Protein backbone atom coordinates (compact mmCIF):
# COMPACT_ATOMS: atom_id res chain seq x y z
CA MET A 1 -21.02 36.10 -63.62
CA LYS A 2 -17.89 34.37 -64.86
CA GLU A 3 -16.97 31.05 -63.33
CA GLY A 4 -14.29 31.39 -60.66
CA LYS A 5 -15.12 35.01 -59.84
CA GLU A 6 -16.44 35.55 -56.38
CA LYS A 7 -19.10 38.16 -55.87
CA ILE A 8 -17.73 41.20 -54.05
CA THR A 9 -19.77 41.93 -50.94
CA THR A 10 -17.70 44.53 -49.03
CA ILE A 11 -15.87 47.72 -49.84
CA ASP A 12 -12.64 46.19 -48.53
CA GLU A 13 -12.99 43.34 -51.06
CA TYR A 14 -13.74 45.82 -53.84
CA ILE A 15 -10.69 47.99 -53.07
CA ALA A 16 -8.44 44.93 -52.86
CA THR A 17 -9.17 44.15 -56.54
CA HIS A 18 -7.32 47.33 -57.64
CA PRO A 19 -3.63 48.18 -58.09
CA GLU A 20 -1.92 49.42 -54.91
CA LYS A 21 -1.78 53.04 -56.04
CA THR A 22 -5.52 53.03 -56.74
CA GLN A 23 -6.21 51.26 -53.42
CA VAL A 24 -4.60 54.16 -51.54
CA ILE A 25 -6.82 56.67 -53.33
CA LEU A 26 -9.97 54.61 -52.82
CA GLN A 27 -9.21 54.16 -49.09
CA LYS A 28 -8.69 57.94 -48.68
CA LEU A 29 -11.93 58.65 -50.57
CA ARG A 30 -13.76 56.16 -48.38
CA ALA A 31 -12.39 57.85 -45.21
CA VAL A 32 -13.45 61.29 -46.48
CA ILE A 33 -17.00 60.04 -47.13
CA GLN A 34 -17.12 58.36 -43.74
CA LYS A 35 -16.07 61.56 -41.98
CA ALA A 36 -18.61 63.65 -43.91
CA ALA A 37 -21.44 61.14 -43.30
CA PRO A 38 -20.66 59.22 -40.15
CA GLU A 39 -24.17 57.78 -39.89
CA ALA A 40 -24.06 56.36 -43.39
CA GLU A 41 -23.73 52.62 -43.90
CA GLU A 42 -21.39 50.91 -46.36
CA THR A 43 -22.56 48.41 -48.90
CA ILE A 44 -22.00 47.31 -52.48
CA ASN A 45 -24.71 48.42 -54.93
CA TYR A 46 -24.42 48.22 -58.73
CA ALA A 47 -21.16 46.23 -58.03
CA ILE A 48 -19.43 49.34 -56.64
CA PRO A 49 -18.87 50.82 -53.16
CA THR A 50 -21.93 52.67 -51.92
CA PHE A 51 -22.81 54.67 -48.83
CA THR A 52 -26.43 54.68 -47.82
CA LEU A 53 -28.42 56.94 -45.54
CA ASN A 54 -32.17 57.00 -46.08
CA GLY A 55 -31.44 55.55 -49.51
CA ASN A 56 -28.32 55.72 -51.70
CA LEU A 57 -26.09 58.60 -50.70
CA VAL A 58 -22.99 58.32 -52.93
CA HIS A 59 -21.14 55.65 -54.87
CA PHE A 60 -17.51 55.51 -56.01
CA ALA A 61 -15.40 53.26 -58.21
CA GLY A 62 -11.86 52.79 -59.44
CA TYR A 63 -10.95 52.63 -63.08
CA LYS A 64 -7.70 52.49 -65.04
CA ASN A 65 -7.48 56.27 -65.64
CA HIS A 66 -9.93 57.80 -63.19
CA ILE A 67 -11.90 57.50 -60.01
CA GLY A 68 -15.67 57.59 -60.59
CA PHE A 69 -17.76 59.46 -58.02
CA TYR A 70 -21.54 59.26 -58.16
CA PRO A 71 -23.27 61.77 -55.83
CA ALA A 72 -26.61 61.87 -57.74
CA PRO A 73 -27.61 64.40 -60.40
CA SER A 74 -28.79 66.95 -57.77
CA ALA A 75 -25.28 67.28 -56.32
CA ILE A 76 -23.73 67.49 -59.79
CA LYS A 77 -26.07 70.36 -60.57
CA ALA A 78 -25.51 72.07 -57.21
CA PHE A 79 -21.73 72.01 -57.63
CA ALA A 80 -21.60 72.41 -61.40
CA GLN A 81 -19.24 75.36 -61.39
CA GLU A 82 -16.69 73.66 -59.11
CA LEU A 83 -17.00 70.41 -61.14
CA SER A 84 -16.67 72.08 -64.57
CA LYS A 85 -13.00 71.11 -64.93
CA TYR A 86 -13.80 67.39 -64.61
CA ASP A 87 -15.37 64.99 -67.10
CA GLY A 88 -18.68 63.51 -66.11
CA ALA A 89 -22.31 63.08 -66.89
CA LYS A 90 -25.69 63.73 -65.32
CA GLY A 91 -24.93 61.81 -62.13
CA SER A 92 -21.21 61.11 -62.29
CA ILE A 93 -17.81 62.74 -62.08
CA GLN A 94 -14.47 61.41 -63.30
CA PHE A 95 -11.48 62.44 -61.21
CA PRO A 96 -8.18 61.74 -63.04
CA ILE A 97 -6.25 59.05 -61.21
CA ASP A 98 -2.95 60.87 -61.72
CA LYS A 99 -4.06 64.07 -59.96
CA PRO A 100 -5.07 64.68 -56.32
CA LEU A 101 -8.78 64.29 -55.71
CA PRO A 102 -10.59 67.44 -54.53
CA TYR A 103 -11.39 66.08 -51.08
CA PRO A 104 -12.87 69.36 -49.69
CA LEU A 105 -15.29 69.47 -52.63
CA ILE A 106 -16.16 65.79 -52.19
CA THR A 107 -16.88 66.49 -48.50
CA LYS A 108 -19.23 69.34 -49.45
CA MET A 109 -21.06 67.13 -51.95
CA VAL A 110 -21.45 64.29 -49.42
CA LYS A 111 -22.81 66.68 -46.80
CA PHE A 112 -25.19 68.13 -49.40
CA ARG A 113 -26.46 64.61 -50.11
CA VAL A 114 -26.90 63.90 -46.39
CA LYS A 115 -29.07 67.01 -46.05
CA GLU A 116 -31.00 66.10 -49.21
CA ASN A 117 -31.71 62.49 -48.12
CA THR A 118 -32.59 63.56 -44.57
CA ALA A 119 -35.01 66.18 -45.86
CA LYS A 120 -36.79 63.54 -47.99
CA VAL A 121 -37.36 61.38 -44.93
CA VAL A 122 -38.71 64.32 -42.92
CA LYS A 123 -41.16 65.14 -45.69
CA LYS A 124 -42.37 61.52 -45.89
CA LYS A 125 -43.14 61.17 -42.18
CA PRO A 126 -46.92 60.95 -41.77
CA VAL A 127 -48.56 63.65 -39.73
CA LYS A 128 -50.28 62.22 -36.66
CA LYS A 129 -53.97 63.02 -36.54
CA ALA A 130 -55.57 64.11 -33.33
CA ALA A 131 -57.45 61.34 -31.55
CA LYS A 132 -61.22 61.54 -32.02
CA LYS A 133 -63.34 62.05 -28.93
CA LYS A 134 -65.92 59.41 -28.25
C-alpha cells in the first residue's frame, strides 16, 4: 500500500473516492442491492464494496468508463441473454457509466444470488441423527 493512503474499510469511504457523478450511480446501485437483499451485510472485500449473505453475494466497483458488477459466474450464466449487450467476463459485467444501469436486471441477479447462497447453507446443515436407546 502506498504511503499516505488510508485503507478503505466501508462502502461509504469507497464511494467518496469517486467523482460526484459516479458517486450518485454507486449509491443508487447500493440501494438497489440493499432492497433486493435486505439481510445481506456490507463490507469491503478485494478492495471493493461487497454484500455478503452466507458468503459473498455480489460486489461492485466504479471505474472511469464503467461500473463493474460481480454477481458470480452462476448469475452471469443464468442471465446471459439479458447481459449479452454488455461487456464482461466469467464473473463480471461492465455497465457503461454514461448509460442508465439496468436496475431491474440487477435486482433479479441479486435475488438469484440470495436464493443460491441460501440453498448452499440448507444443503450443508447436518442431519440430526436419532438418539440411541440405552
